[in-house]
Amino acid sequence: GGETGVDCGGSDGVNACGACVGTMCTVST
């Protein structure tokens, strides 16, 4: 989907799945 990590983050800056901890990211949010 739009996740930037496994089941977290979001490529659109919206964390529909919650914020990531120690995983890949593209933006601070």
PDB file of all heavy atoms in Angstrom:
ATOM      1  N   GLY A   1       0.856  -1.182   0.000  1.00  0.00           N
ATOM      2  CA  GLY A   1       0.000   0.000   0.000  1.00  0.00           C
ATOM      3  C   GLY A   1       0.886   1.224   0.000  1.00  0.00           C
ATOM      4  O   GLY A   1       1.882   1.277  -0.711  1.00  0.00           O
ATOM      5  N   GLY A   2       0.596   2.205   0.791  1.00  0.00           N
ATOM      6  CA  GLY A   2       1.418   3.406   0.892  1.00  0.00           C
ATOM      7  C   GLY A   2       2.394   3.391   2.044  1.00  0.00           C
ATOM      8  O   GLY A   2       2.983   4.414   2.375  1.00  0.00           O
ATOM      9  N   GLU A   3       2.561   2.229   2.700  1.00  0.00           N
ATOM     10  CA  GLU A   3       3.437   2.129   3.866  1.00  0.00           C
ATOM     11  C   GLU A   3       4.904   2.368   3.487  1.00  0.00           C
ATOM     12  O   GLU A   3       5.337   1.990   2.414  1.00  0.00           O
ATOM     13  CB  GLU A   3       3.309   0.740   4.499  1.00  0.00           C
ATOM     14  CG  GLU A   3       1.914   0.403   4.959  1.00  0.00           C
ATOM     15  CD  GLU A   3       1.726  -1.078   5.282  1.00  0.00           C
ATOM     16  OE1 GLU A   3       2.664  -1.877   5.100  1.00  0.00           O
ATOM     17  OE2 GLU A   3       0.622  -1.421   5.699  1.00  0.00           O
ATOM     18  N   THR A   4       5.654   3.003   4.407  1.00  0.00           N
ATOM     19  CA  THR A   4       7.085   3.183   4.199  1.00  0.00           C
ATOM     20  C   THR A   4       7.896   2.176   5.007  1.00  0.00           C
ATOM     21  O   THR A   4       9.094   2.033   4.809  1.00  0.00           O
ATOM     22  CB  THR A   4       7.530   4.601   4.563  1.00  0.00           C
ATOM     23  OG1 THR A   4       7.097   4.896   5.878  1.00  0.00           O
ATOM     24  CG2 THR A   4       6.935   5.605   3.594  1.00  0.00           C
ATOM     25  N   GLY A   5       7.265   1.494   5.934  1.00  0.00           N
ATOM     26  CA  GLY A   5       7.853   0.406   6.700  1.00  0.00           C
ATOM     27  C   GLY A   5       6.811  -0.688   6.785  1.00  0.00           C
ATOM     28  O   GLY A   5       5.688  -0.518   6.320  1.00  0.00           O
ATOM     29  N   VAL A   6       7.181  -1.815   7.370  1.00  0.00           N
ATOM     30  CA  VAL A   6       6.222  -2.913   7.496  1.00  0.00           C
ATOM     31  C   VAL A   6       5.103  -2.487   8.441  1.00  0.00           C
ATOM     32  O   VAL A   6       5.332  -2.228   9.615  1.00  0.00           O
ATOM     33  CB  VAL A   6       6.908  -4.197   8.017  1.00  0.00           C
ATOM     34  CG1 VAL A   6       5.879  -5.294   8.277  1.00  0.00           C
ATOM     35  CG2 VAL A   6       7.957  -4.670   7.024  1.00  0.00           C
ATOM     36  N   ASP A   7       3.909  -2.356   7.885  1.00  0.00           N
ATOM     37  CA  ASP A   7       2.693  -2.004   8.623  1.00  0.00           C
ATOM     38  C   ASP A   7       2.796  -0.678   9.385  1.00  0.00           C
ATOM     39  O   ASP A   7       2.199  -0.513  10.446  1.00  0.00           O
ATOM     40  CB  ASP A   7       2.280  -3.140   9.570  1.00  0.00           C
ATOM     41  CG  ASP A   7       1.889  -4.397   8.811  1.00  0.00           C
ATOM     42  OD1 ASP A   7       1.522  -4.292   7.628  1.00  0.00           O
ATOM     43  OD2 ASP A   7       1.950  -5.488   9.404  1.00  0.00           O
ATOM     44  N   CYS A   8       3.557   0.290   8.834  1.00  0.00           N
ATOM     45  CA  CYS A   8       3.643   1.610   9.459  1.00  0.00           C
ATOM     46  C   CYS A   8       4.038   2.658   8.430  1.00  0.00           C
ATOM     47  O   CYS A   8       4.482   2.339   7.331  1.00  0.00           O
ATOM     48  CB  CYS A   8       4.636   1.612  10.613  1.00  0.00           C
ATOM     49  SG  CYS A   8       6.362   1.376  10.121  1.00  0.00           S
ATOM     50  N   GLY A   9       3.892   3.913   8.833  1.00  0.00           N
ATOM     51  CA  GLY A   9       4.270   5.024   7.972  1.00  0.00           C
ATOM     52  C   GLY A   9       3.332   5.191   6.809  1.00  0.00           C
ATOM     53  O   GLY A   9       2.342   4.482   6.667  1.00  0.00           O
ATOM     54  N   GLY A  10       3.653   6.132   5.971  1.00  0.00           N
ATOM     55  CA  GLY A  10       2.835   6.363   4.800  1.00  0.00           C
ATOM     56  C   GLY A  10       3.512   7.279   3.817  1.00  0.00           C
ATOM     57  O   GLY A  10       4.021   8.327   4.204  1.00  0.00           O
ATOM     58  N   SER A  11       3.554   6.875   2.564  1.00  0.00           N
ATOM     59  CA  SER A  11       4.239   7.667   1.551  1.00  0.00           C
ATOM     60  C   SER A  11       3.584   9.016   1.326  1.00  0.00           C
ATOM     61  O   SER A  11       4.193   9.932   0.792  1.00  0.00           O
ATOM     62  CB  SER A  11       4.298   6.900   0.231  1.00  0.00           C
ATOM     63  OG  SER A  11       3.003   6.577  -0.212  1.00  0.00           O
ATOM     64  N   ASP A  12       2.343   9.157   1.768  1.00  0.00           N
ATOM     65  CA  ASP A  12       1.644  10.429   1.603  1.00  0.00           C
ATOM     66  C   ASP A  12       1.760  11.301   2.855  1.00  0.00           C
ATOM     67  O   ASP A  12       1.130  12.339   2.942  1.00  0.00           O
ATOM     68  CB  ASP A  12       0.169  10.186   1.283  1.00  0.00           C
ATOM     69  CG  ASP A  12      -0.549   9.378   2.349  1.00  0.00           C
ATOM     70  OD1 ASP A  12       0.070   9.028   3.377  1.00  0.00           O
ATOM     71  OD2 ASP A  12      -1.739   9.079   2.156  1.00  0.00           O
ATOM     72  N   GLY A  13       2.602  10.886   3.821  1.00  0.00           N
ATOM     73  CA  GLY A  13       2.777  11.652   5.048  1.00  0.00           C
ATOM     74  C   GLY A  13       1.700  11.404   6.074  1.00  0.00           C
ATOM     75  O   GLY A  13       1.735  11.946   7.166  1.00  0.00           O
ATOM     76  N   VAL A  14       0.741  10.560   5.752  1.00  0.00           N
ATOM     77  CA  VAL A  14      -0.329  10.216   6.684  1.00  0.00           C
ATOM     78  C   VAL A  14      -0.072   8.800   7.195  1.00  0.00           C
ATOM     79  O   VAL A  14       0.124   7.885   6.422  1.00  0.00           O
ATOM     80  CB  VAL A  14      -1.708  10.280   5.989  1.00  0.00           C
ATOM     81  CG1 VAL A  14      -2.811   9.838   6.932  1.00  0.00           C
ATOM     82  CG2 VAL A  14      -1.957  11.683   5.460  1.00  0.00           C
ATOM     83  N   ASN A  15      -0.050   8.650   8.505  1.00  0.00           N
ATOM     84  CA  ASN A  15       0.251   7.353   9.105  1.00  0.00           C
ATOM     85  C   ASN A  15      -1.020   6.559   9.349  1.00  0.00           C
ATOM     86  O   ASN A  15      -1.416   6.339  10.478  1.00  0.00           O
ATOM     87  CB  ASN A  15       1.017   7.528  10.417  1.00  0.00           C
ATOM     88  CG  ASN A  15       2.375   8.154  10.204  1.00  0.00           C
ATOM     89  OD1 ASN A  15       3.056   7.842   9.229  1.00  0.00           O
ATOM     90  ND2 ASN A  15       2.766   9.048  11.081  1.00  0.00           N
ATOM     91  N   ALA A  16      -1.635   6.092   8.296  1.00  0.00           N
ATOM     92  CA  ALA A  16      -2.858   5.308   8.427  1.00  0.00           C
ATOM     93  C   ALA A  16      -2.618   4.063   9.273  1.00  0.00           C
ATOM     94  O   ALA A  16      -3.511   3.582   9.948  1.00  0.00           O
ATOM     95  CB  ALA A  16      -3.390   4.925   7.056  1.00  0.00           C
ATOM     96  N   CYS A  17      -1.391   3.550   9.230  1.00  0.00           N
ATOM     97  CA  CYS A  17      -1.059   2.350   9.995  1.00  0.00           C
ATOM     98  C   CYS A  17      -0.259   2.664  11.252  1.00  0.00           C
ATOM     99  O   CYS A  17       0.250   1.757  11.911  1.00  0.00           O
ATOM    100  CB  CYS A  17      -0.263   1.377   9.124  1.00  0.00           C
ATOM    101  SG  CYS A  17      -1.226   0.633   7.795  1.00  0.00           S
ATOM    102  N   GLY A  18      -0.085   3.901  11.593  1.00  0.00           N
ATOM    103  CA  GLY A  18       0.675   4.269  12.776  1.00  0.00           C
ATOM    104  C   GLY A  18       2.108   4.624  12.415  1.00  0.00           C
ATOM    105  O   GLY A  18       2.574   4.380  11.303  1.00  0.00           O
ATOM    106  N   ALA A  19       2.786   5.206  13.348  1.00  0.00           N
ATOM    107  CA  ALA A  19       4.154   5.668  13.130  1.00  0.00           C
ATOM    108  C   ALA A  19       5.157   4.529  13.255  1.00  0.00           C
ATOM    109  O   ALA A  19       4.945   3.579  14.004  1.00  0.00           O
ATOM    110  CB  ALA A  19       4.482   6.766  14.132  1.00  0.00           C
ATOM    111  N   CYS A  20       6.246   4.641  12.509  1.00  0.00           N
ATOM    112  CA  CYS A  20       7.302   3.621  12.511  1.00  0.00           C
ATOM    113  C   CYS A  20       8.315   3.869  13.634  1.00  0.00           C
ATOM    114  O   CYS A  20       8.537   5.001  14.045  1.00  0.00           O
ATOM    115  CB  CYS A  20       8.054   3.648  11.185  1.00  0.00           C
ATOM    116  SG  CYS A  20       7.034   3.292   9.729  1.00  0.00           S
ATOM    117  N   VAL A  21       8.946   2.806  14.076  1.00  0.00           N
ATOM    118  CA  VAL A  21      10.022   2.879  15.060  1.00  0.00           C
ATOM    119  C   VAL A  21      11.190   2.073  14.519  1.00  0.00           C
ATOM    120  O   VAL A  21      11.084   0.855  14.369  1.00  0.00           O
ATOM    121  CB  VAL A  21       9.591   2.320  16.430  1.00  0.00           C
ATOM    122  CG1 VAL A  21      10.755   2.328  17.411  1.00  0.00           C
ATOM    123  CG2 VAL A  21       8.391   3.080  16.970  1.00  0.00           C
ATOM    124  N   GLY A  22      12.292   2.751  14.169  1.00  0.00           N
ATOM    125  CA  GLY A  22      13.502   2.073  13.709  1.00  0.00           C
ATOM    126  C   GLY A  22      13.394   1.414  12.349  1.00  0.00           C
ATOM    127  O   GLY A  22      14.171   0.531  12.019  1.00  0.00           O
ATOM    128  N   THR A  23      12.431   1.818  11.537  1.00  0.00           N
ATOM    129  CA  THR A  23      12.251   1.218  10.221  1.00  0.00           C
ATOM    130  C   THR A  23      12.466   2.263   9.134  1.00  0.00           C
ATOM    131  O   THR A  23      12.732   3.427   9.421  1.00  0.00           O
ATOM    132  CB  THR A  23      10.848   0.603  10.067  1.00  0.00           C
ATOM    133  OG1 THR A  23       9.886   1.644  10.193  1.00  0.00           O
ATOM    134  CG2 THR A  23      10.589  -0.474  11.096  1.00  0.00           C
ATOM    135  N   MET A  24      12.311   1.865   7.892  1.00  0.00           N
ATOM    136  CA  MET A  24      12.471   2.777   6.769  1.00  0.00           C
ATOM    137  C   MET A  24      11.439   3.900   6.833  1.00  0.00           C
ATOM    138  O   MET A  24      10.335   3.710   7.329  1.00  0.00           O
ATOM    139  CB  MET A  24      12.326   2.027   5.446  1.00  0.00           C
ATOM    140  CG  MET A  24      13.387   0.969   5.202  1.00  0.00           C
ATOM    141  SD  MET A  24      15.078   1.608   5.156  1.00  0.00           S
ATOM    142  CE  MET A  24      15.038   2.622   3.704  1.00  0.00           C
ATOM    143  N   CYS A  25      11.839   5.067   6.320  1.00  0.00           N
ATOM    144  CA  CYS A  25      10.950   6.214   6.288  1.00  0.00           C
ATOM    145  C   CYS A  25      11.332   7.092   5.112  1.00  0.00           C
ATOM    146  O   CYS A  25      12.425   6.980   4.563  1.00  0.00           O
ATOM    147  CB  CYS A  25      11.048   7.003   7.592  1.00  0.00           C
ATOM    148  SG  CYS A  25      12.733   7.525   8.018  1.00  0.00           S
ATOM    149  N   THR A  26      10.421   7.960   4.729  1.00  0.00           N
ATOM    150  CA  THR A  26      10.719   8.931   3.674  1.00  0.00           C
ATOM    151  C   THR A  26      10.543  10.358   4.169  1.00  0.00           C
ATOM    152  O   THR A  26      11.139  11.274   3.617  1.00  0.00           O
ATOM    153  CB  THR A  26       9.840   8.708   2.430  1.00  0.00           C
ATOM    154  OG1 THR A  26       8.475   8.743   2.816  1.00  0.00           O
ATOM    155  CG2 THR A  26      10.166   7.372   1.767  1.00  0.00           C
ATOM    156  N   VAL A  27       9.705  10.543   5.175  1.00  0.00           N
ATOM    157  CA  VAL A  27       9.496  11.858   5.790  1.00  0.00           C
ATOM    158  C   VAL A  27       9.414  11.676   7.299  1.00  0.00           C
ATOM    159  O   VAL A  27       9.124  10.586   7.805  1.00  0.00           O
ATOM    160  CB  VAL A  27       8.206  12.537   5.275  1.00  0.00           C
ATOM    161  CG1 VAL A  27       8.322  12.887   3.785  1.00  0.00           C
ATOM    162  CG2 VAL A  27       6.995  11.681   5.527  1.00  0.00           C
ATOM    163  N   SER A  28       9.671  12.753   8.038  1.00  0.00           N
ATOM    164  CA  SER A  28       9.695  12.672   9.502  1.00  0.00           C
ATOM    165  C   SER A  28       8.371  12.222  10.102  1.00  0.00           C
ATOM    166  O   SER A  28       8.344  11.553  11.137  1.00  0.00           O
ATOM    167  CB  SER A  28      10.109  14.017  10.102  1.00  0.00           C
ATOM    168  OG  SER A  28      11.454  14.279   9.777  1.00  0.00           O
ATOM    169  N   THR A  29       7.254  12.539   9.451  1.00  0.00           N
ATOM    170  CA  THR A  29       5.954  12.143  10.005  1.00  0.00           C
ATOM    171  C   THR A  29       5.711  10.645   9.898  1.00  0.00           C
ATOM    172  O   THR A  29       4.765  10.138  10.491  1.00  0.00           O
ATOM    173  CB  THR A  29       4.802  12.909   9.318  1.00  0.00           C
ATOM    174  OG1 THR A  29       4.890  12.742   7.910  1.00  0.00           O
ATOM    175  CG2 THR A  29       4.854  14.400   9.672  1.00  0.00           C
TER     176      THR A  29
END
